[in-house]
Amino acid sequence: MRLTDHKRKARRHRAQDRLIEAAPQVRDLLVKLALRGDALGSAVGHLAKLLDRYGQADLS
C-alpha cells in the first residue's frame, strides 16, 4: 500500500472518530449503513459537514 493510500484511510478514520466523539449514536448509524452496503465515506463526509455547520448539539 502506498503512503497516499495510508493517509487517505487515516483521514477517513479521523472523521469517523470525530463524529463518534461528538455524537456517540453515529457509531450505530454507521454500522447499519455498512450492513446495508451503503458508502460509509459519503455518509461520514455529509455528517462531518453537518457537524461543522451546526455543531455538536444539533447532530445529537
N, C-alpha and C. Protein backbone atom coordinates (compact mmCIF):
# COMPACT_ATOMS: atom_id res chain seq x y z
N MET A 1 0.85 -1.18 0.00
CA MET A 1 0.00 0.00 0.00
C MET A 1 0.89 1.24 0.00
N ARG A 2 0.54 2.18 -0.81
CA ARG A 2 1.32 3.42 -0.92
C ARG A 2 1.02 4.37 0.24
N LEU A 3 1.92 5.29 0.44
CA LEU A 3 1.76 6.27 1.51
C LEU A 3 0.48 7.08 1.34
N THR A 4 0.17 7.47 0.12
CA THR A 4 -1.06 8.25 -0.11
C THR A 4 -2.30 7.44 0.26
N ASP A 5 -2.26 6.14 0.04
CA ASP A 5 -3.39 5.28 0.43
C ASP A 5 -3.54 5.24 1.95
N HIS A 6 -2.42 5.13 2.66
CA HIS A 6 -2.46 5.14 4.12
C HIS A 6 -3.01 6.45 4.65
N LYS A 7 -2.58 7.55 4.07
CA LYS A 7 -3.04 8.86 4.52
C LYS A 7 -4.53 9.03 4.28
N ARG A 8 -5.00 8.59 3.13
CA ARG A 8 -6.42 8.70 2.80
C ARG A 8 -7.26 7.89 3.79
N LYS A 9 -6.80 6.68 4.10
CA LYS A 9 -7.51 5.82 5.04
C LYS A 9 -7.51 6.43 6.44
N ALA A 10 -6.39 6.98 6.86
CA ALA A 10 -6.29 7.61 8.18
C ALA A 10 -7.19 8.82 8.28
N ARG A 11 -7.30 9.59 7.21
CA ARG A 11 -8.14 10.78 7.20
C ARG A 11 -9.61 10.39 7.40
N ARG A 12 -10.02 9.31 6.75
CA ARG A 12 -11.40 8.84 6.88
C ARG A 12 -11.69 8.44 8.32
N HIS A 13 -10.74 7.76 8.96
CA HIS A 13 -10.96 7.32 10.33
C HIS A 13 -10.96 8.50 11.30
N ARG A 14 -10.18 9.51 11.04
CA ARG A 14 -10.21 10.70 11.90
C ARG A 14 -11.60 11.33 11.89
N ALA A 15 -12.20 11.41 10.72
CA ALA A 15 -13.53 12.00 10.61
C ALA A 15 -14.55 11.14 11.36
N GLN A 16 -14.45 9.82 11.21
CA GLN A 16 -15.37 8.93 11.93
C GLN A 16 -15.19 9.09 13.43
N ASP A 17 -13.96 9.12 13.89
CA ASP A 17 -13.69 9.27 15.32
C ASP A 17 -14.23 10.59 15.85
N ARG A 18 -14.06 11.64 15.08
CA ARG A 18 -14.56 12.96 15.47
C ARG A 18 -16.08 12.95 15.58
N LEU A 19 -16.76 12.32 14.63
CA LEU A 19 -18.21 12.24 14.67
C LEU A 19 -18.69 11.44 15.87
N ILE A 20 -18.05 10.31 16.12
CA ILE A 20 -18.45 9.45 17.24
C ILE A 20 -18.19 10.15 18.57
N GLU A 21 -17.14 10.91 18.64
CA GLU A 21 -16.85 11.69 19.86
C GLU A 21 -17.94 12.74 20.10
N ALA A 22 -18.39 13.37 19.03
CA ALA A 22 -19.41 14.42 19.14
C ALA A 22 -20.80 13.85 19.39
N ALA A 23 -21.09 12.72 18.76
CA ALA A 23 -22.43 12.11 18.87
C ALA A 23 -22.26 10.59 18.82
N PRO A 24 -22.15 9.94 19.98
CA PRO A 24 -21.86 8.50 20.02
C PRO A 24 -22.85 7.63 19.23
N GLN A 25 -24.08 8.07 19.06
CA GLN A 25 -25.07 7.28 18.33
C GLN A 25 -24.72 7.17 16.84
N VAL A 26 -23.80 7.99 16.37
CA VAL A 26 -23.36 7.91 14.98
C VAL A 26 -22.73 6.54 14.70
N ARG A 27 -22.10 5.95 15.70
CA ARG A 27 -21.49 4.62 15.53
C ARG A 27 -22.55 3.61 15.08
N ASP A 28 -23.72 3.61 15.74
CA ASP A 28 -24.80 2.69 15.36
C ASP A 28 -25.28 2.95 13.94
N LEU A 29 -25.40 4.21 13.58
CA LEU A 29 -25.82 4.57 12.23
C LEU A 29 -24.83 4.05 11.19
N LEU A 30 -23.55 4.24 11.45
CA LEU A 30 -22.52 3.79 10.51
C LEU A 30 -22.51 2.27 10.39
N VAL A 31 -22.73 1.57 11.49
CA VAL A 31 -22.79 0.10 11.44
C VAL A 31 -23.97 -0.34 10.58
N LYS A 32 -25.13 0.29 10.77
CA LYS A 32 -26.31 -0.06 9.97
C LYS A 32 -26.09 0.24 8.50
N LEU A 33 -25.45 1.36 8.20
CA LEU A 33 -25.16 1.69 6.80
C LEU A 33 -24.21 0.66 6.18
N ALA A 34 -23.21 0.25 6.95
CA ALA A 34 -22.26 -0.74 6.45
C ALA A 34 -22.95 -2.08 6.19
N LEU A 35 -23.83 -2.48 7.09
CA LEU A 35 -24.55 -3.74 6.91
C LEU A 35 -25.44 -3.72 5.67
N ARG A 36 -25.96 -2.54 5.34
CA ARG A 36 -26.79 -2.40 4.14
C ARG A 36 -25.95 -2.30 2.87
N GLY A 37 -24.66 -2.09 3.04
CA GLY A 37 -23.78 -1.96 1.88
C GLY A 37 -23.68 -0.54 1.36
N ASP A 38 -24.13 0.43 2.14
CA ASP A 38 -24.04 1.83 1.74
C ASP A 38 -22.61 2.35 1.86
N ALA A 39 -22.32 3.42 1.15
CA ALA A 39 -20.98 4.01 1.15
C ALA A 39 -20.74 4.79 2.44
N LEU A 40 -19.84 4.31 3.26
CA LEU A 40 -19.55 4.97 4.53
C LEU A 40 -18.82 6.29 4.34
N GLY A 41 -17.93 6.33 3.37
CA GLY A 41 -17.16 7.56 3.14
C GLY A 41 -18.07 8.74 2.84
N SER A 42 -19.06 8.50 2.03
CA SER A 42 -20.01 9.55 1.67
C SER A 42 -20.82 9.99 2.89
N ALA A 43 -21.30 9.02 3.66
CA ALA A 43 -22.09 9.33 4.86
C ALA A 43 -21.27 10.10 5.88
N VAL A 44 -20.04 9.66 6.08
CA VAL A 44 -19.15 10.34 7.03
C VAL A 44 -18.89 11.76 6.57
N GLY A 45 -18.66 11.95 5.30
CA GLY A 45 -18.42 13.29 4.76
C GLY A 45 -19.61 14.21 4.98
N HIS A 46 -20.82 13.71 4.71
CA HIS A 46 -22.02 14.53 4.90
C HIS A 46 -22.24 14.86 6.38
N LEU A 47 -22.07 13.86 7.23
CA LEU A 47 -22.25 14.10 8.67
C LEU A 47 -21.20 15.07 9.21
N ALA A 48 -19.97 14.96 8.72
CA ALA A 48 -18.92 15.88 9.16
C ALA A 48 -19.24 17.32 8.75
N LYS A 49 -19.80 17.49 7.56
CA LYS A 49 -20.21 18.84 7.13
C LYS A 49 -21.32 19.37 8.01
N LEU A 50 -22.27 18.51 8.38
CA LEU A 50 -23.35 18.93 9.27
C LEU A 50 -22.80 19.32 10.65
N LEU A 51 -21.87 18.53 11.14
CA LEU A 51 -21.24 18.84 12.43
C LEU A 51 -20.53 20.18 12.37
N ASP A 52 -19.80 20.43 11.30
CA ASP A 52 -19.09 21.70 11.15
C ASP A 52 -20.07 22.87 11.06
N ARG A 53 -21.14 22.67 10.35
CA ARG A 53 -22.09 23.75 10.11
C ARG A 53 -22.97 24.05 11.32
N TYR A 54 -23.48 22.99 11.98
CA TYR A 54 -24.49 23.19 13.02
C TYR A 54 -24.01 22.89 14.44
N GLY A 55 -22.89 22.20 14.56
CA GLY A 55 -22.35 21.92 15.88
C GLY A 55 -22.85 20.63 16.48
N GLN A 56 -22.26 20.28 17.58
CA GLN A 56 -22.50 19.01 18.25
C GLN A 56 -23.93 18.88 18.76
N ALA A 57 -24.49 19.92 19.30
CA ALA A 57 -25.83 19.84 19.90
C ALA A 57 -26.89 19.46 18.86
N ASP A 58 -26.78 20.01 17.66
CA ASP A 58 -27.77 19.72 16.63
C ASP A 58 -27.57 18.35 15.98
N LEU A 59 -26.38 17.81 16.06
CA LEU A 59 -26.12 16.49 15.49
C LEU A 59 -26.62 15.38 16.40
N SER A 60 -26.71 15.65 17.67
CA SER A 60 -27.12 14.63 18.64
C SER A 60 -28.54 14.28 18.52
